[in-house]
Amino acid sequence: MTTQEILTQAKEAAQRKKSEIIEAKKESWENTEHAITNLWTSDGFEALAELSQYVNPVTDKIIDYEEQEHRIHSCRKRQNIHCPPPRRLSYVPGA
């Protein structure tokens, strides 16, 4: 498998992970309370616990996405290492 193929697969995986993050954030927004006013009551504490249950998977997906972006960056670095350095062109008058 060439570096270019690995880079293409990594980009596709990153795009899928990004879509998953957006979907998970949308789902957590739709399924949780947004006004947690008093943590001293059981209702407020339960709302906070429910919110954290929805946020933890989103955080995990963000971490996976960041790891995938790091792989892409590393792959791009490796691609540049395999390229030969630019040649130095010397100017020779009259040639």
C-alpha atoms as a PDB file:
ATOM      1  CA  MET A   1       0.000   0.000   0.000  1.00  0.00           C
ATOM      2  CA  THR A   2       1.480   3.323  -1.027  1.00  0.00           C
ATOM      3  CA  THR A   3       1.656   6.427   1.101  1.00  0.00           C
ATOM      4  CA  GLN A   4      -0.854   8.139  -1.191  1.00  0.00           C
ATOM      5  CA  GLU A   5      -3.392   5.333  -0.683  1.00  0.00           C
ATOM      6  CA  ILE A   6      -2.887   5.472   3.080  1.00  0.00           C
ATOM      7  CA  LEU A   7      -3.375   9.241   3.010  1.00  0.00           C
ATOM      8  CA  THR A   8      -6.575   8.913   0.968  1.00  0.00           C
ATOM      9  CA  GLN A   9      -7.981   6.296   3.353  1.00  0.00           C
ATOM     10  CA  ALA A  10      -7.048   8.418   6.359  1.00  0.00           C
ATOM     11  CA  LYS A  11      -8.805  11.460   4.869  1.00  0.00           C
ATOM     12  CA  GLU A  12     -11.951   9.417   4.212  1.00  0.00           C
ATOM     13  CA  ALA A  13     -11.885   8.045   7.763  1.00  0.00           C
ATOM     14  CA  ALA A  14     -11.441  11.569   9.153  1.00  0.00           C
ATOM     15  CA  GLN A  15     -14.424  12.784   7.143  1.00  0.00           C
ATOM     16  CA  ARG A  16     -16.569   9.912   8.478  1.00  0.00           C
ATOM     17  CA  LYS A  17     -15.482  10.675  12.036  1.00  0.00           C
ATOM     18  CA  LYS A  18     -16.278  14.353  11.534  1.00  0.00           C
ATOM     19  CA  SER A  19     -19.785  13.427  10.363  1.00  0.00           C
ATOM     20  CA  GLU A  20     -20.203  11.185  13.407  1.00  0.00           C
ATOM     21  CA  ILE A  21     -19.195  14.056  15.700  1.00  0.00           C
ATOM     22  CA  ILE A  22     -21.715  16.394  14.109  1.00  0.00           C
ATOM     23  CA  GLU A  23     -24.462  13.784  14.400  1.00  0.00           C
ATOM     24  CA  ALA A  24     -23.591  13.015  18.034  1.00  0.00           C
ATOM     25  CA  LYS A  25     -23.585  16.711  18.947  1.00  0.00           C
ATOM     26  CA  LYS A  26     -26.939  17.171  17.250  1.00  0.00           C
ATOM     27  CA  GLU A  27     -28.357  14.175  19.093  1.00  0.00           C
ATOM     28  CA  SER A  28     -27.076  15.371  22.458  1.00  0.00           C
ATOM     29  CA  TRP A  29     -28.532  18.828  21.813  1.00  0.00           C
ATOM     30  CA  GLU A  30     -31.927  17.371  20.986  1.00  0.00           C
ATOM     31  CA  ASN A  31     -32.047  14.864  23.860  1.00  0.00           C
ATOM     32  CA  THR A  32     -30.771  16.823  26.849  1.00  0.00           C
ATOM     33  CA  GLU A  33     -31.911  19.676  29.030  1.00  0.00           C
ATOM     34  CA  HIS A  34     -30.126  22.944  28.446  1.00  0.00           C
ATOM     35  CA  ALA A  35     -30.954  24.804  31.617  1.00  0.00           C
ATOM     36  CA  ILE A  36     -29.451  23.190  34.679  1.00  0.00           C
ATOM     37  CA  THR A  37     -30.164  25.712  37.382  1.00  0.00           C
ATOM     38  CA  ASN A  38     -29.862  24.030  40.735  1.00  0.00           C
ATOM     39  CA  LEU A  39     -27.583  21.086  41.442  1.00  0.00           C
ATOM     40  CA  TRP A  40     -28.814  20.824  45.036  1.00  0.00           C
ATOM     41  CA  THR A  41     -32.081  19.270  43.915  1.00  0.00           C
ATOM     42  CA  SER A  42     -32.338  15.753  42.586  1.00  0.00           C
ATOM     43  CA  ASP A  43     -33.835  16.977  39.298  1.00  0.00           C
ATOM     44  CA  GLY A  44     -30.905  19.276  38.608  1.00  0.00           C
ATOM     45  CA  PHE A  45     -28.382  16.604  39.514  1.00  0.00           C
ATOM     46  CA  GLU A  46     -30.121  14.029  37.300  1.00  0.00           C
ATOM     47  CA  ALA A  47     -30.160  16.508  34.408  1.00  0.00           C
ATOM     48  CA  LEU A  48     -26.415  17.043  34.841  1.00  0.00           C
ATOM     49  CA  ALA A  49     -25.791  13.292  34.945  1.00  0.00           C
ATOM     50  CA  GLU A  50     -27.856  12.832  31.783  1.00  0.00           C
ATOM     51  CA  LEU A  51     -25.952  15.608  30.047  1.00  0.00           C
ATOM     52  CA  SER A  52     -22.612  14.032  30.928  1.00  0.00           C
ATOM     53  CA  GLN A  53     -23.825  10.687  29.548  1.00  0.00           C
ATOM     54  CA  TYR A  54     -24.426  12.343  26.183  1.00  0.00           C
ATOM     55  CA  VAL A  55     -21.242  14.422  26.216  1.00  0.00           C
ATOM     56  CA  ASN A  56     -18.804  11.583  26.989  1.00  0.00           C
ATOM     57  CA  PRO A  57     -19.339   9.734  23.667  1.00  0.00           C
ATOM     58  CA  VAL A  58     -19.010  13.040  21.796  1.00  0.00           C
ATOM     59  CA  THR A  59     -15.707  13.672  23.553  1.00  0.00           C
ATOM     60  CA  ASP A  60     -14.507  10.182  22.611  1.00  0.00           C
ATOM     61  CA  LYS A  61     -15.400  10.817  18.968  1.00  0.00           C
ATOM     62  CA  ILE A  62     -13.521  14.124  19.022  1.00  0.00           C
ATOM     63  CA  ILE A  63     -10.443  12.382  20.414  1.00  0.00           C
ATOM     64  CA  ASP A  64     -10.660   9.737  17.658  1.00  0.00           C
ATOM     65  CA  TYR A  65     -10.957  12.481  15.041  1.00  0.00           C
ATOM     66  CA  GLU A  66      -7.923  14.317  16.412  1.00  0.00           C
ATOM     67  CA  GLU A  67      -5.904  11.070  16.334  1.00  0.00           C
ATOM     68  CA  GLN A  68      -6.946  10.551  12.715  1.00  0.00           C
ATOM     69  CA  GLU A  69      -5.874  14.104  11.851  1.00  0.00           C
ATOM     70  CA  HIS A  70      -2.513  13.379  13.495  1.00  0.00           C
ATOM     71  CA  ARG A  71      -2.159  10.265  11.304  1.00  0.00           C
ATOM     72  CA  ILE A  72      -2.893  12.372   8.222  1.00  0.00           C
ATOM     73  CA  HIS A  73      -0.295  14.927   9.276  1.00  0.00           C
ATOM     74  CA  SER A  74       2.279  12.166   9.875  1.00  0.00           C
ATOM     75  CA  CYS A  75       1.514  10.607   6.508  1.00  0.00           C
ATOM     76  CA  ARG A  76       1.950  13.947   4.758  1.00  0.00           C
ATOM     77  CA  LYS A  77       5.282  14.387   6.525  1.00  0.00           C
ATOM     78  CA  ARG A  78       6.400  10.945   5.336  1.00  0.00           C
ATOM     79  CA  GLN A  79       5.352  11.847   1.807  1.00  0.00           C
ATOM     80  CA  ASN A  80       7.532  14.936   1.886  1.00  0.00           C
ATOM     81  CA  ILE A  81      10.483  12.956   3.252  1.00  0.00           C
ATOM     82  CA  HIS A  82      10.378  10.592   0.271  1.00  0.00           C
ATOM     83  CA  CYS A  83      10.496  13.476  -2.179  1.00  0.00           C
ATOM     84  CA  PRO A  84      13.994  14.421  -3.261  1.00  0.00           C
ATOM     85  CA  PRO A  85      15.107  17.888  -2.230  1.00  0.00           C
ATOM     86  CA  PRO A  86      14.986  20.548  -4.934  1.00  0.00           C
ATOM     87  CA  ARG A  87      18.151  20.744  -6.986  1.00  0.00           C
ATOM     88  CA  ARG A  88      20.321  23.739  -6.896  1.00  0.00           C
ATOM     89  CA  LEU A  89      20.557  25.403 -10.254  1.00  0.00           C
ATOM     90  CA  SER A  90      23.724  27.299 -10.897  1.00  0.00           C
ATOM     91  CA  TYR A  91      23.765  30.148 -13.336  1.00  0.00           C
ATOM     92  CA  VAL A  92      26.533  29.841 -15.849  1.00  0.00           C
ATOM     93  CA  PRO A  93      26.888  32.895 -18.081  1.00  0.00           C
ATOM     94  CA  GLY A  94      27.078  32.106 -21.784  1.00  0.00           C
ATOM     95  CA  ALA A  95      25.994  28.515 -21.402  1.00  0.00           C
END
